[in-house]
C-alpha cells in the first residue's frame, strides 16, 4: 500500500500526543484508508517512548495478550519516568473482552499515576462501539478515518474528478489504475474479500456467508438506488428472509463497505421500516462490479450519471461521522430527493442532477412538506458536482 496519509489526521494526532494529560484515543474506519500507516509515520516523529503492536493475528479469545503487552509497556515506561509513554494497539476488536481488559489496565495506571497514553485502532465499527459503550464510557475520544475524498486524492495523486468517480478513494490502488484488470483484482482480493472475511465473518456469526456476499454485490450494483428487501429476495438464491438481509446489510455498513440509507420522515417507526437506498462507501466498490472500463463508462451518460450520484452519496456518508449529521433519502409517492442531511434539527435537501432528466419536482414537494433550512441542486443547472466533492461539508451547516 502507498505510504500516503491524510495530512489532517497526521497533524491532529501529532498535536494530540503532545498533550500533558493521558488519554485513550480510538481511531476507527474501514480497511486500507491509512490508519496503520498514519500510526507508523506518527511514531517516526514521536519524541516519547512507545510500543506499537497489532492484534490482527492473535487468537480471538486471548485477552491475556493485552495484559502481557501492557506489562511490557510499563517496564519500558519505568526506564523513562520523565516522559509520557504511548501504547498503539491495532485491530483491537479482534480480541475478546478487549474493552474490559483495557479498562482494567487503564484504571490501574491511573491509580498508580503512570503517564501512559493509549491509541486503539480498529476496522470494525460495530465491535468497537459496543466495547466503548459497555466498558470505557467517559474514558475515551473517537476519530473516524473514512475513505479518501476527492480533495485528498487530488493532493496526493493528482487525480481528476472523473478518475475519482470511477476509481474511488483507496490510496493503495492509485498506482494500479493504468491497468484496470489488475486494479479490479486488487480491489476484489485485497479490499473486498479481506474486509468481509476479517471484519465480519471472523468476528460475527453469519449463517449464510454466500448470501451476504451476494447481497454485497447486488447492493453495490444498485448503489444510489432504492430497492425493497422483498424485491431483493427475488434476485437472491437461498435468501432466507428480510430480517436476515437487513442484518447482513447492517454488518456491511459497519465494515465501511455498503450502507442502507433510510427514508426521511418524522415517524421513526416508518423510517426503520422503509426500503433502503443502497450506497457504497467508496465508488471503487461499484466500479469493480461493472464490465465497462473507465473510458467506456464516461461515454455512457446514463451510467455516468449514476456513478456521479453514487460518488456524491459516498462523500456524504463518509463525512457524516466527522461533521456529525445523519444521511437519509426522501420519497413520497412519485416525489423523491436524493439525499437529506439532518443535524441537531437542521435539515438540508440535496438533489443530484447529472443528466438531462428533470428532477426538481421532488425538491419542490420536499420544501412544501418539511420547510428545510436549505436545499441544494448538485450538477446540471446547480453547483457543479466536481465543486461539491471538493467542498468541506461542515460549510453546509
Protein backbone atom coordinates (compact mmCIF):
# COMPACT_ATOMS: atom_id res chain seq x y z
CA UNK A 1 0.00 0.00 0.00
CA UNK A 2 1.05 3.56 -0.62
CA UNK A 3 2.66 5.33 2.31
CA UNK A 4 0.47 8.36 1.67
CA UNK A 5 -1.57 9.59 4.60
CA UNK A 6 -4.37 12.04 5.22
CA UNK A 7 -2.37 15.03 6.44
CA UNK A 8 -5.17 16.49 8.54
CA UNK A 9 -5.20 13.36 10.72
CA UNK A 10 -1.43 13.38 10.99
CA UNK A 11 -1.44 16.98 12.20
CA UNK A 12 -4.24 16.25 14.65
CA UNK A 13 -2.57 13.24 16.25
CA UNK A 14 0.91 14.71 16.49
CA UNK A 15 -0.66 17.62 18.36
CA UNK A 16 -2.82 15.30 20.47
CA UNK A 17 0.14 13.19 21.57
CA UNK A 18 1.90 16.28 22.91
CA UNK A 19 -0.90 16.97 25.38
CA UNK A 20 0.25 16.53 29.01
CA UNK A 21 -2.83 14.60 30.11
CA UNK A 22 -3.02 10.87 29.43
CA UNK A 23 -5.93 9.64 27.31
CA UNK A 24 -7.50 6.79 25.35
CA UNK A 25 -7.86 7.73 21.67
CA UNK A 26 -9.82 5.38 19.41
CA UNK A 27 -9.26 5.56 15.64
CA UNK A 28 -11.74 3.54 13.61
CA UNK A 29 -12.57 3.23 9.95
CA UNK A 30 -12.59 0.76 7.05
CA UNK A 31 -9.56 -1.16 5.89
CA UNK A 32 -6.95 0.37 3.60
CA UNK A 33 -7.65 4.03 4.38
CA UNK A 34 -4.28 4.52 6.11
CA UNK A 35 -4.86 4.01 9.85
CA UNK A 36 -1.81 1.79 10.35
CA UNK A 37 0.32 3.90 8.01
CA UNK A 38 -0.68 7.00 9.95
CA UNK A 39 0.50 5.45 13.22
CA UNK A 40 3.80 4.32 11.74
CA UNK A 41 4.55 7.81 10.43
CA UNK A 42 3.47 9.45 13.69
CA UNK A 43 5.79 7.08 15.57
CA UNK A 44 8.72 8.16 13.39
CA UNK A 45 8.24 11.73 14.61
CA UNK A 46 7.37 10.90 18.22
CA UNK A 47 9.65 12.17 20.98
CA UNK A 48 8.06 9.92 23.60
CA UNK A 49 8.88 6.22 24.01
CA UNK A 50 6.15 3.96 22.59
CA UNK A 51 5.00 0.40 21.97
CA UNK A 52 3.23 -0.31 18.67
CA UNK A 53 1.56 -3.73 18.33
CA UNK A 54 -1.19 -5.40 16.29
CA UNK A 55 -3.82 -7.91 17.31
CA UNK A 56 -4.54 -8.91 13.71
CA UNK A 57 -3.04 -12.39 14.06
CA UNK A 58 -3.82 -13.03 17.73
CA UNK A 59 -6.32 -15.70 18.76
CA UNK A 60 -9.72 -14.12 19.44
CA UNK A 61 -10.01 -15.49 22.95
CA UNK A 62 -6.53 -14.42 24.05
CA UNK A 63 -7.36 -11.33 26.12
CA UNK A 64 -4.30 -12.09 28.27
CA UNK A 65 -2.24 -10.87 25.33
CA UNK A 66 -3.29 -7.30 26.13
CA UNK A 67 -2.21 -7.73 29.77
CA UNK A 68 1.17 -9.05 28.64
CA UNK A 69 1.75 -6.18 26.22
CA UNK A 70 0.69 -3.64 28.83
CA UNK A 71 3.23 -5.11 31.25
CA UNK A 72 5.93 -4.64 28.61
CA UNK A 73 4.81 -1.02 28.22
CA UNK A 74 5.00 -0.40 31.98
CA UNK A 75 8.51 -1.87 32.09
CA UNK A 76 9.64 0.35 29.23
CA UNK A 77 7.94 3.41 30.75
CA UNK A 78 9.84 2.85 34.01
CA UNK A 79 13.09 3.29 32.06
CA UNK A 80 11.95 6.79 31.02
CA UNK A 81 9.96 8.03 34.03
CA UNK A 82 10.37 11.66 32.97
CA UNK A 83 8.44 11.09 29.71
CA UNK A 84 4.94 10.02 28.74
CA UNK A 85 4.60 6.60 27.16
CA UNK A 86 2.27 5.71 24.27
CA UNK A 87 0.73 2.29 23.52
CA UNK A 88 -0.61 1.79 19.99
CA UNK A 89 -2.79 -1.32 19.55
CA UNK A 90 -4.01 -2.03 16.01
CA UNK A 91 -7.09 -4.17 15.20
CA UNK A 92 -8.05 -4.18 18.85
CA UNK A 93 -11.55 -5.53 18.13
CA UNK A 94 -10.01 -8.92 17.26
CA UNK A 95 -9.51 -9.66 20.98
CA UNK A 96 -12.44 -10.94 23.01
CA UNK A 97 -13.33 -8.74 26.01
CA UNK A 98 -10.78 -6.17 24.81
CA UNK A 99 -12.63 -3.23 26.34
CA UNK A 100 -12.76 -4.78 29.80
CA UNK A 101 -9.03 -5.57 29.75
CA UNK A 102 -8.17 -2.06 28.51
CA UNK A 103 -10.37 -0.55 31.22
CA UNK A 104 -8.69 -2.65 33.92
CA UNK A 105 -5.19 -1.64 32.86
CA UNK A 106 -6.13 1.99 32.28
CA UNK A 107 -7.67 2.29 35.75
CA UNK A 108 -4.62 0.63 37.32
CA UNK A 109 -2.30 3.11 35.58
CA UNK A 110 -4.49 5.97 36.75
CA UNK A 111 -4.34 4.70 40.33
CA UNK A 112 -0.54 4.42 40.15
CA UNK A 113 -0.08 7.77 38.36
CA UNK A 114 1.57 6.18 35.34
CA UNK A 115 1.52 8.60 32.35
CA UNK A 116 0.65 6.00 29.72
CA UNK A 117 -1.39 7.22 26.75
CA UNK A 118 -3.36 4.70 24.69
CA UNK A 119 -4.25 4.76 20.99
CA UNK A 120 -6.56 1.98 19.79
CA UNK A 121 -7.20 1.29 16.10
CA UNK A 122 -9.87 -0.89 14.55
CA UNK A 123 -11.79 -1.55 11.35
CA UNK A 124 -14.99 -2.99 12.83
CA UNK A 125 -17.13 -0.02 13.84
CA UNK A 126 -19.79 -2.25 15.40
CA UNK A 127 -17.48 -4.15 17.76
CA UNK A 128 -15.53 -1.04 18.69
CA UNK A 129 -18.66 0.94 19.56
CA UNK A 130 -20.07 -1.94 21.59
CA UNK A 131 -16.89 -2.18 23.67
CA UNK A 132 -16.63 1.56 24.15
CA UNK A 133 -20.23 1.88 25.28
CA UNK A 134 -20.17 -1.12 27.59
CA UNK A 135 -16.83 -0.68 29.36
CA UNK A 136 -15.00 2.54 28.57
CA UNK A 137 -17.68 5.18 28.99
CA UNK A 138 -16.12 8.54 29.87
CA UNK A 139 -12.56 7.35 29.26
CA UNK A 140 -12.06 7.83 25.51
CA UNK A 141 -12.34 10.02 22.43
CA UNK A 142 -13.05 8.67 18.95
CA UNK A 143 -11.93 9.68 15.48
CA UNK A 144 -13.35 8.20 12.29
CA UNK A 145 -10.97 7.85 9.35
CA UNK A 146 -13.14 7.39 6.30
CA UNK A 147 -12.44 6.63 2.68
CA UNK A 148 -10.32 9.24 0.96
CA UNK A 149 -12.09 12.25 -0.51
CA UNK A 150 -11.52 13.84 -3.91
CA UNK A 151 -9.52 16.59 -2.18
CA UNK A 152 -7.13 14.04 -0.66
CA UNK A 153 -6.76 12.00 -3.87
CA UNK A 154 -6.12 15.17 -5.87
CA UNK A 155 -3.47 16.48 -3.49
CA UNK A 156 -1.67 13.17 -3.16
CA UNK A 157 -2.03 11.57 -6.60
CA UNK A 158 -3.17 14.39 -8.89
CA UNK A 159 -6.44 12.65 -9.76
CA UNK A 160 -9.14 14.31 -11.80
CA UNK A 161 -12.75 14.35 -10.50
CA UNK A 162 -13.66 11.84 -13.22
CA UNK A 163 -10.92 9.44 -12.09
CA UNK A 164 -12.19 9.74 -8.54
CA UNK A 165 -15.77 8.94 -9.54
CA UNK A 166 -14.66 5.73 -11.27
CA UNK A 167 -11.69 4.54 -9.20
CA UNK A 168 -12.91 5.74 -5.79
CA UNK A 169 -10.76 6.67 -2.81
CA UNK A 170 -8.44 3.77 -1.95
CA UNK A 171 -4.88 5.19 -1.80
CA UNK A 172 -3.28 1.77 -2.12
CA UNK A 173 -4.87 1.23 -5.52
CA UNK A 174 -3.76 4.55 -7.05
CA UNK A 175 -0.67 3.12 -8.74
CA UNK A 176 -2.70 0.41 -10.48
CA UNK A 177 -5.34 2.38 -12.38
CA UNK A 178 -3.46 2.29 -15.71
CA UNK A 179 -4.03 -1.48 -15.71
CA UNK A 180 -7.73 -1.79 -14.92
CA UNK A 181 -7.78 -5.59 -14.76
CA UNK A 182 -5.02 -5.55 -12.18
CA UNK A 183 -6.78 -2.72 -10.36
CA UNK A 184 -10.05 -4.66 -10.21
CA UNK A 185 -8.27 -7.76 -8.91
CA UNK A 186 -6.62 -5.70 -6.17
CA UNK A 187 -9.94 -4.15 -5.11
CA UNK A 188 -11.66 -7.55 -5.11
CA UNK A 189 -8.99 -9.63 -3.38
CA UNK A 190 -7.11 -7.23 -1.11
CA UNK A 191 -10.01 -4.99 -0.10
CA UNK A 192 -13.45 -6.55 -0.54
CA UNK A 193 -12.62 -10.14 0.36
CA UNK A 194 -10.29 -9.16 3.22
CA UNK A 195 -12.85 -6.77 4.70
CA UNK A 196 -15.69 -9.29 4.54
CA UNK A 197 -13.68 -12.24 5.81
CA UNK A 198 -11.67 -10.49 8.56
CA UNK A 199 -14.02 -7.72 9.71
CA UNK A 200 -17.32 -9.59 9.50
CA UNK A 201 -17.10 -13.37 9.12
CA UNK A 202 -14.28 -13.87 11.65
CA UNK A 203 -15.88 -11.64 14.27
CA UNK A 204 -19.63 -12.08 13.88
CA UNK A 205 -21.94 -15.02 13.42
CA UNK A 206 -23.11 -15.18 9.81
CA UNK A 207 -25.11 -18.30 8.97
CA UNK A 208 -25.14 -17.72 5.21
CA UNK A 209 -21.89 -16.07 4.13
CA UNK A 210 -22.55 -16.73 0.44
CA UNK A 211 -25.84 -14.87 0.76
CA UNK A 212 -24.15 -11.92 2.41
CA UNK A 213 -21.53 -11.75 -0.33
CA UNK A 214 -24.27 -11.83 -2.99
CA UNK A 215 -26.16 -9.09 -1.13
CA UNK A 216 -23.00 -7.02 -1.15
CA UNK A 217 -22.53 -7.46 -4.91
CA UNK A 218 -26.14 -6.55 -5.66
CA UNK A 219 -26.10 -3.63 -3.24
CA UNK A 220 -23.00 -2.21 -4.92
CA UNK A 221 -24.55 -2.65 -8.36
CA UNK A 222 -27.65 -0.74 -7.19
CA UNK A 223 -25.69 1.97 -5.35
CA UNK A 224 -27.70 5.18 -5.41
CA UNK A 225 -30.98 3.30 -5.96
CA UNK A 226 -33.87 2.37 -3.68
CA UNK A 227 -34.75 -1.32 -3.58
CA UNK A 228 -37.09 -3.06 -1.16
CA UNK A 229 -35.94 -6.17 0.64
CA UNK A 230 -38.90 -8.02 -0.86
CA UNK A 231 -37.76 -7.23 -4.41
CA UNK A 232 -34.22 -8.07 -3.42
CA UNK A 233 -35.31 -11.53 -2.28
CA UNK A 234 -36.41 -12.22 -5.83
CA UNK A 235 -32.85 -11.74 -7.09
CA UNK A 236 -31.17 -13.89 -4.46
CA UNK A 237 -30.99 -17.66 -4.11
CA UNK A 238 -31.38 -19.20 -0.64
CA UNK A 239 -32.37 -15.75 0.58
CA UNK A 240 -33.83 -16.55 3.98
CA UNK A 241 -35.98 -13.57 4.98
CA UNK A 242 -35.94 -9.80 5.01
CA UNK A 243 -34.71 -9.71 8.62
CA UNK A 244 -31.62 -11.70 7.63
CA UNK A 245 -30.91 -9.35 4.73
CA UNK A 246 -31.34 -6.26 6.93
CA UNK A 247 -28.89 -7.70 9.47
CA UNK A 248 -26.31 -8.54 6.79
CA UNK A 249 -26.61 -5.04 5.35
CA UNK A 250 -26.01 -3.62 8.83
CA UNK A 251 -22.81 -5.67 9.11
CA UNK A 252 -21.60 -4.48 5.70
CA UNK A 253 -22.33 -0.93 6.82
CA UNK A 254 -20.27 -1.23 10.00
CA UNK A 255 -17.33 -2.51 7.93
CA UNK A 256 -17.43 0.68 5.85
CA UNK A 257 -18.46 -1.12 2.67
CA UNK A 258 -22.18 -0.73 1.89
CA UNK A 259 -24.86 1.33 3.63
CA UNK A 260 -28.64 1.16 3.50
CA UNK A 261 -29.88 4.76 3.76
CA UNK A 262 -33.35 5.17 5.32
CA UNK A 263 -36.25 7.28 4.11
CA UNK A 264 -36.52 10.67 5.84
CA UNK A 265 -39.66 11.06 7.93
CA UNK A 266 -40.65 12.39 11.32
CA UNK A 267 -42.09 8.95 12.16
CA UNK A 268 -39.14 6.84 13.34
CA UNK A 269 -41.10 3.57 13.14
CA UNK A 270 -41.93 4.20 9.49
CA UNK A 271 -38.33 5.28 8.89
CA UNK A 272 -36.88 2.00 10.16
CA UNK A 273 -39.36 0.01 8.04
CA UNK A 274 -38.54 1.89 4.83
CA UNK A 275 -36.89 0.34 1.80
CA UNK A 276 -33.14 1.04 1.86
CA UNK A 277 -31.31 3.18 -0.64
CA UNK A 278 -28.09 1.30 -1.27
CA UNK A 279 -24.94 3.36 -1.05
CA UNK A 280 -21.32 2.26 -1.33
CA UNK A 281 -18.80 3.98 0.91
CA UNK A 282 -16.27 4.01 -1.92
CA UNK A 283 -17.12 4.11 -5.62
CA UNK A 284 -14.40 1.57 -6.37
CA UNK A 285 -16.78 -1.00 -4.86
CA UNK A 286 -19.32 -0.10 -7.56
CA UNK A 287 -16.93 0.19 -10.49
CA UNK A 288 -15.41 -3.21 -9.81
CA UNK A 289 -18.84 -4.82 -10.33
CA UNK A 290 -19.12 -3.33 -13.84
CA UNK A 291 -17.86 -4.80 -17.11
CA UNK A 292 -17.11 -1.37 -18.58
CA UNK A 293 -13.75 0.34 -18.46
CA UNK A 294 -13.26 3.91 -17.27
CA UNK A 295 -13.35 5.32 -20.81
CA UNK A 296 -16.40 3.25 -21.74
CA UNK A 297 -18.30 4.42 -18.63
CA UNK A 298 -17.56 8.06 -19.47
CA UNK A 299 -19.15 7.53 -22.90
CA UNK A 300 -22.46 6.29 -21.41
CA UNK A 301 -24.35 9.30 -19.99
CA UNK A 302 -26.93 7.30 -18.03
CA UNK A 303 -24.31 5.06 -16.39
CA UNK A 304 -22.02 8.00 -15.72
CA UNK A 305 -24.89 9.92 -14.10
CA UNK A 306 -25.44 7.03 -11.67
CA UNK A 307 -21.71 6.90 -10.95
CA UNK A 308 -21.64 10.61 -10.12
CA UNK A 309 -24.69 10.35 -7.84
CA UNK A 310 -23.12 7.38 -6.05
CA UNK A 311 -19.87 9.29 -5.59
CA UNK A 312 -21.77 12.22 -4.05
CA UNK A 313 -23.58 9.79 -1.72
CA UNK A 314 -20.33 8.15 -0.70
CA UNK A 315 -18.83 11.53 0.13
CA UNK A 316 -21.89 12.39 2.23
CA UNK A 317 -21.88 9.22 4.33
CA UNK A 318 -18.11 9.28 4.89
CA UNK A 319 -18.19 12.88 6.06
CA UNK A 320 -21.24 12.28 8.27
CA UNK A 321 -19.05 10.82 11.03
CA UNK A 322 -16.68 13.78 11.08
CA UNK A 323 -19.28 16.54 10.70
CA UNK A 324 -21.94 14.86 12.85
CA UNK A 325 -25.03 14.65 10.65
CA UNK A 326 -27.26 11.78 9.53
CA UNK A 327 -27.90 10.92 5.90
CA UNK A 328 -31.33 9.95 4.51
CA UNK A 329 -33.16 10.00 1.21
CA UNK A 330 -36.77 11.11 0.79
CA UNK A 331 -39.51 9.56 -1.31
CA UNK A 332 -43.24 10.08 -1.14
CA UNK A 333 -45.37 8.68 -3.96
CA UNK A 334 -43.74 9.97 -7.17
CA UNK A 335 -41.65 12.66 -5.47
CA UNK A 336 -38.07 11.99 -4.42
CA UNK A 337 -35.00 13.80 -3.11
CA UNK A 338 -31.64 12.04 -3.47
CA UNK A 339 -30.20 12.92 -0.06
CA UNK A 340 -31.40 14.58 3.12
CA UNK A 341 -28.96 15.65 5.82
CA UNK A 342 -30.13 16.21 9.39
CA UNK A 343 -28.05 17.67 12.19
CA UNK A 344 -29.45 18.87 15.52
CA UNK A 345 -32.82 19.60 13.97
CA UNK A 346 -31.38 21.37 10.93
CA UNK A 347 -32.45 19.75 7.64
CA UNK A 348 -30.83 20.06 4.19
CA UNK A 349 -32.16 18.53 0.97
CA UNK A 350 -29.68 17.67 -1.80
CA UNK A 351 -30.64 16.71 -5.35
CA UNK A 352 -28.02 15.38 -7.77
CA UNK A 353 -28.79 16.14 -11.41
CA UNK A 354 -26.00 14.76 -13.54
CA UNK A 355 -28.03 14.03 -16.70
CA UNK A 356 -30.84 15.52 -18.75
CA UNK A 357 -33.78 14.22 -16.73
CA UNK A 358 -35.84 16.71 -14.77
CA UNK A 359 -35.70 16.07 -11.03
CA UNK A 360 -36.70 19.36 -9.46
CA UNK A 361 -40.30 18.42 -8.64
CA UNK A 362 -39.08 16.38 -5.68
CA UNK A 363 -37.21 19.33 -4.16
CA UNK A 364 -40.30 21.50 -4.53
CA UNK A 365 -42.52 18.95 -2.79
CA UNK A 366 -39.91 18.41 -0.07
CA UNK A 367 -39.79 22.16 0.56
CA UNK A 368 -43.56 22.38 0.89
CA UNK A 369 -43.81 19.48 3.35
CA UNK A 370 -40.72 19.90 5.57
CA UNK A 371 -39.62 23.54 5.13
CA UNK A 372 -35.91 22.57 5.27
CA UNK A 373 -33.22 25.04 6.27
CA UNK A 374 -31.59 24.66 2.87
CA UNK A 375 -31.90 22.81 -0.43
CA UNK A 376 -29.07 22.31 -2.88
CA UNK A 377 -29.01 21.23 -6.51
CA UNK A 378 -25.76 19.49 -7.46
CA UNK A 379 -24.85 19.01 -11.10
CA UNK A 380 -26.58 20.38 -14.19
CA UNK A 381 -28.14 23.83 -13.55
CA UNK A 382 -26.74 23.87 -9.99
CA UNK A 383 -23.40 23.58 -8.21
CA UNK A 384 -21.04 21.53 -10.40
CA UNK A 385 -20.62 18.09 -8.89
CA UNK A 386 -16.84 18.49 -9.18
CA UNK A 387 -17.02 21.51 -6.86
CA UNK A 388 -19.37 19.77 -4.44
CA UNK A 389 -16.96 16.84 -3.99
CA UNK A 390 -14.25 19.35 -3.03
CA UNK A 391 -16.39 21.34 -0.59
CA UNK A 392 -15.92 20.87 3.20
CA UNK A 393 -19.40 19.69 4.16
CA UNK A 394 -19.35 21.43 7.53
CA UNK A 395 -19.96 24.59 5.50
CA UNK A 396 -23.48 23.38 4.72
CA UNK A 397 -24.46 23.80 8.38
